[in-house]
């Protein structure tokens, strides 16, 4: 397989090799492909959202919040500033 890189990516790969981050250009490209493979294995956003919905539904009915609950939440948010 032959791969053609744009000047930008070719310069990036050369720079990374020159910095000692990778032994050679092939190793740098393989690292990029491994990252791509990892990203491709992540759930799609719709699937991720559905898993959150399923988890929420499985957790049982919601409980009403008291004034003290809301005050505590407000305090936590305001203290982040």
N, C-alpha and C. Protein backbone atom coordinates (compact mmCIF):
# COMPACT_ATOMS: atom_id res chain seq x y z
N UNK A 1 0.85 -1.18 0.00
CA UNK A 1 0.00 0.00 0.00
C UNK A 1 0.89 1.23 0.00
N UNK A 2 0.56 2.16 -0.83
CA UNK A 2 1.25 3.44 -0.86
C UNK A 2 0.29 4.50 -0.34
N UNK A 3 0.81 5.38 0.48
CA UNK A 3 -0.01 6.46 1.04
C UNK A 3 0.65 7.78 0.68
N UNK A 4 -0.14 8.71 0.21
CA UNK A 4 0.36 10.04 -0.11
C UNK A 4 -0.10 11.00 0.98
N UNK A 5 0.85 11.69 1.59
CA UNK A 5 0.53 12.67 2.62
C UNK A 5 0.62 14.07 2.04
N UNK A 6 -0.19 14.95 2.57
CA UNK A 6 -0.05 16.36 2.21
C UNK A 6 1.27 16.86 2.79
N UNK A 7 1.72 17.99 2.28
CA UNK A 7 2.97 18.56 2.79
C UNK A 7 2.90 18.77 4.29
N UNK A 8 1.76 19.22 4.77
CA UNK A 8 1.59 19.48 6.20
C UNK A 8 1.88 18.21 7.02
N UNK A 9 1.23 17.10 6.64
CA UNK A 9 1.40 15.86 7.41
C UNK A 9 2.78 15.25 7.21
N UNK A 10 3.33 15.38 6.04
CA UNK A 10 4.68 14.88 5.82
C UNK A 10 5.67 15.64 6.71
N UNK A 11 5.52 16.96 6.76
CA UNK A 11 6.39 17.76 7.63
C UNK A 11 6.19 17.41 9.10
N UNK A 12 4.94 17.16 9.49
CA UNK A 12 4.65 16.78 10.87
C UNK A 12 5.34 15.47 11.22
N UNK A 13 5.22 14.48 10.36
CA UNK A 13 5.84 13.18 10.60
C UNK A 13 7.36 13.34 10.69
N UNK A 14 7.94 14.08 9.78
CA UNK A 14 9.39 14.30 9.80
C UNK A 14 9.82 15.01 11.08
N UNK A 15 9.04 15.97 11.50
CA UNK A 15 9.34 16.71 12.73
C UNK A 15 9.30 15.79 13.95
N UNK A 16 8.29 14.94 14.02
CA UNK A 16 8.17 14.02 15.15
C UNK A 16 9.32 13.02 15.19
N UNK A 17 9.73 12.54 14.03
CA UNK A 17 10.87 11.62 13.97
C UNK A 17 12.14 12.35 14.39
N UNK A 18 12.33 13.56 13.87
CA UNK A 18 13.52 14.35 14.20
C UNK A 18 13.61 14.63 15.70
N UNK A 19 12.44 14.85 16.34
CA UNK A 19 12.39 15.10 17.78
C UNK A 19 12.64 13.84 18.61
N UNK A 20 12.68 12.70 17.94
CA UNK A 20 12.91 11.45 18.64
C UNK A 20 11.64 10.82 19.21
N UNK A 21 10.51 11.36 18.85
CA UNK A 21 9.24 10.81 19.34
C UNK A 21 8.98 9.44 18.74
N UNK A 22 9.44 9.23 17.50
CA UNK A 22 9.28 7.96 16.80
C UNK A 22 10.61 7.62 16.14
N UNK A 23 10.86 6.32 15.97
CA UNK A 23 12.12 5.88 15.37
C UNK A 23 12.20 6.22 13.89
N UNK A 24 11.06 6.10 13.21
CA UNK A 24 11.04 6.40 11.78
C UNK A 24 9.63 6.81 11.36
N UNK A 25 9.50 7.15 10.08
CA UNK A 25 8.21 7.61 9.57
C UNK A 25 7.13 6.54 9.66
N UNK A 26 7.49 5.30 9.39
CA UNK A 26 6.51 4.22 9.47
C UNK A 26 5.93 4.08 10.87
N UNK A 27 6.79 4.19 11.87
CA UNK A 27 6.32 4.07 13.25
C UNK A 27 5.35 5.21 13.59
N UNK A 28 5.64 6.40 13.12
CA UNK A 28 4.76 7.54 13.38
C UNK A 28 3.40 7.34 12.73
N UNK A 29 3.38 6.87 11.50
CA UNK A 29 2.12 6.64 10.80
C UNK A 29 1.34 5.50 11.47
N UNK A 30 2.04 4.44 11.88
CA UNK A 30 1.35 3.34 12.56
C UNK A 30 0.72 3.81 13.87
N UNK A 31 1.40 4.71 14.59
CA UNK A 31 0.83 5.26 15.83
C UNK A 31 -0.47 6.01 15.53
N UNK A 32 -0.47 6.76 14.43
CA UNK A 32 -1.68 7.46 14.04
C UNK A 32 -2.80 6.50 13.68
N UNK A 33 -2.47 5.41 13.02
CA UNK A 33 -3.48 4.42 12.65
C UNK A 33 -4.02 3.70 13.88
N UNK A 34 -3.16 3.45 14.87
CA UNK A 34 -3.65 2.82 16.11
C UNK A 34 -4.63 3.74 16.83
N UNK A 35 -4.35 5.03 16.83
CA UNK A 35 -5.26 5.99 17.43
C UNK A 35 -6.59 6.02 16.67
N UNK A 36 -6.52 6.00 15.36
CA UNK A 36 -7.73 5.96 14.54
C UNK A 36 -8.54 4.71 14.84
N UNK A 37 -7.86 3.58 14.97
CA UNK A 37 -8.55 2.32 15.28
C UNK A 37 -9.26 2.42 16.63
N UNK A 38 -8.60 3.00 17.62
CA UNK A 38 -9.21 3.17 18.94
C UNK A 38 -10.44 4.06 18.86
N UNK A 39 -10.33 5.16 18.14
CA UNK A 39 -11.46 6.08 18.01
C UNK A 39 -12.63 5.42 17.30
N UNK A 40 -12.35 4.60 16.30
CA UNK A 40 -13.40 3.93 15.55
C UNK A 40 -14.13 2.89 16.39
N UNK A 41 -13.51 2.43 17.46
CA UNK A 41 -14.14 1.44 18.33
C UNK A 41 -15.04 2.08 19.38
N UNK A 42 -14.97 3.40 19.53
CA UNK A 42 -15.82 4.09 20.49
C UNK A 42 -17.26 4.04 20.02
N UNK A 43 -18.20 4.02 20.97
CA UNK A 43 -19.60 3.98 20.55
C UNK A 43 -19.99 5.25 19.81
N UNK A 44 -20.91 5.07 18.88
CA UNK A 44 -21.42 6.23 18.17
C UNK A 44 -22.22 7.09 19.15
N UNK A 45 -22.28 8.39 18.94
CA UNK A 45 -23.02 9.25 19.87
C UNK A 45 -24.43 8.77 20.15
N UNK A 46 -25.16 8.33 19.14
CA UNK A 46 -26.54 7.88 19.36
C UNK A 46 -26.55 6.66 20.28
N UNK A 47 -25.62 5.75 20.05
CA UNK A 47 -25.53 4.56 20.91
C UNK A 47 -25.15 4.95 22.32
N UNK A 48 -24.27 5.92 22.44
CA UNK A 48 -23.86 6.38 23.76
C UNK A 48 -25.03 7.02 24.48
N UNK A 49 -25.77 7.86 23.79
CA UNK A 49 -26.94 8.48 24.40
C UNK A 49 -27.96 7.44 24.82
N UNK A 50 -28.16 6.44 23.99
CA UNK A 50 -29.12 5.38 24.33
C UNK A 50 -28.66 4.63 25.57
N UNK A 51 -27.36 4.42 25.71
CA UNK A 51 -26.87 3.72 26.90
C UNK A 51 -27.10 4.56 28.15
N UNK A 52 -26.97 5.88 28.04
CA UNK A 52 -27.27 6.75 29.18
C UNK A 52 -28.76 6.69 29.54
N UNK A 53 -29.60 6.68 28.52
CA UNK A 53 -31.04 6.59 28.76
C UNK A 53 -31.38 5.26 29.44
N UNK A 54 -30.81 4.18 28.92
CA UNK A 54 -31.06 2.86 29.50
C UNK A 54 -30.61 2.80 30.96
N UNK A 55 -29.44 3.38 31.23
CA UNK A 55 -28.92 3.40 32.60
C UNK A 55 -29.84 4.20 33.52
N UNK A 56 -30.32 5.33 33.04
CA UNK A 56 -31.21 6.16 33.85
C UNK A 56 -32.53 5.44 34.13
N UNK A 57 -33.07 4.78 33.12
CA UNK A 57 -34.32 4.05 33.31
C UNK A 57 -34.15 2.89 34.29
N UNK A 58 -32.99 2.24 34.24
CA UNK A 58 -32.73 1.10 35.12
C UNK A 58 -32.50 1.53 36.56
N UNK A 59 -32.19 2.80 36.78
CA UNK A 59 -31.89 3.26 38.14
C UNK A 59 -33.13 3.45 38.99
N UNK A 60 -34.30 3.37 38.37
CA UNK A 60 -35.54 3.48 39.14
C UNK A 60 -36.15 4.86 39.03
N UNK A 61 -37.28 5.04 39.73
CA UNK A 61 -37.98 6.32 39.63
C UNK A 61 -37.19 7.47 40.27
N UNK A 62 -37.41 8.64 39.75
CA UNK A 62 -36.75 9.83 40.30
C UNK A 62 -37.37 10.17 41.65
N UNK A 63 -36.54 10.75 42.49
CA UNK A 63 -37.03 11.18 43.80
C UNK A 63 -37.12 12.70 43.80
N UNK A 64 -38.16 13.25 44.41
CA UNK A 64 -38.28 14.71 44.44
C UNK A 64 -37.14 15.34 45.25
N UNK A 65 -36.70 16.49 44.77
CA UNK A 65 -35.64 17.23 45.46
C UNK A 65 -36.25 18.18 46.48
N UNK A 66 -35.58 18.29 47.60
CA UNK A 66 -36.03 19.21 48.64
C UNK A 66 -35.37 20.55 48.44
N UNK A 67 -35.83 21.52 49.15
CA UNK A 67 -35.21 22.86 49.10
C UNK A 67 -33.75 22.77 49.51
N UNK A 68 -33.46 21.93 50.50
CA UNK A 68 -32.07 21.76 50.95
C UNK A 68 -31.20 21.17 49.84
N UNK A 69 -31.76 20.24 49.06
CA UNK A 69 -31.01 19.67 47.93
C UNK A 69 -30.63 20.75 46.93
N UNK A 70 -31.60 21.59 46.58
CA UNK A 70 -31.36 22.66 45.61
C UNK A 70 -30.38 23.69 46.15
N UNK A 71 -30.49 24.02 47.42
CA UNK A 71 -29.55 24.97 48.05
C UNK A 71 -28.13 24.41 48.03
N UNK A 72 -27.98 23.12 48.30
CA UNK A 72 -26.65 22.50 48.29
C UNK A 72 -26.07 22.51 46.88
N UNK A 73 -26.91 22.22 45.89
CA UNK A 73 -26.46 22.25 44.51
C UNK A 73 -26.03 23.66 44.10
N UNK A 74 -26.82 24.63 44.46
CA UNK A 74 -26.51 26.03 44.15
C UNK A 74 -25.18 26.42 44.78
N UNK A 75 -24.97 26.03 46.01
CA UNK A 75 -23.72 26.33 46.72
C UNK A 75 -22.52 25.71 46.01
N UNK A 76 -22.65 24.46 45.58
CA UNK A 76 -21.54 23.79 44.86
C UNK A 76 -21.22 24.52 43.57
N UNK A 77 -22.24 24.93 42.84
CA UNK A 77 -22.02 25.64 41.56
C UNK A 77 -21.36 26.97 41.79
N UNK A 78 -21.85 27.72 42.77
CA UNK A 78 -21.29 29.04 43.03
C UNK A 78 -19.85 28.97 43.55
N UNK A 79 -19.49 27.92 44.23
CA UNK A 79 -18.14 27.79 44.76
C UNK A 79 -17.12 27.37 43.71
N UNK A 80 -17.56 27.01 42.52
CA UNK A 80 -16.64 26.64 41.44
C UNK A 80 -16.01 27.85 40.80
N UNK A 81 -16.58 29.01 40.99
CA UNK A 81 -16.07 30.22 40.33
C UNK A 81 -14.76 30.68 40.88
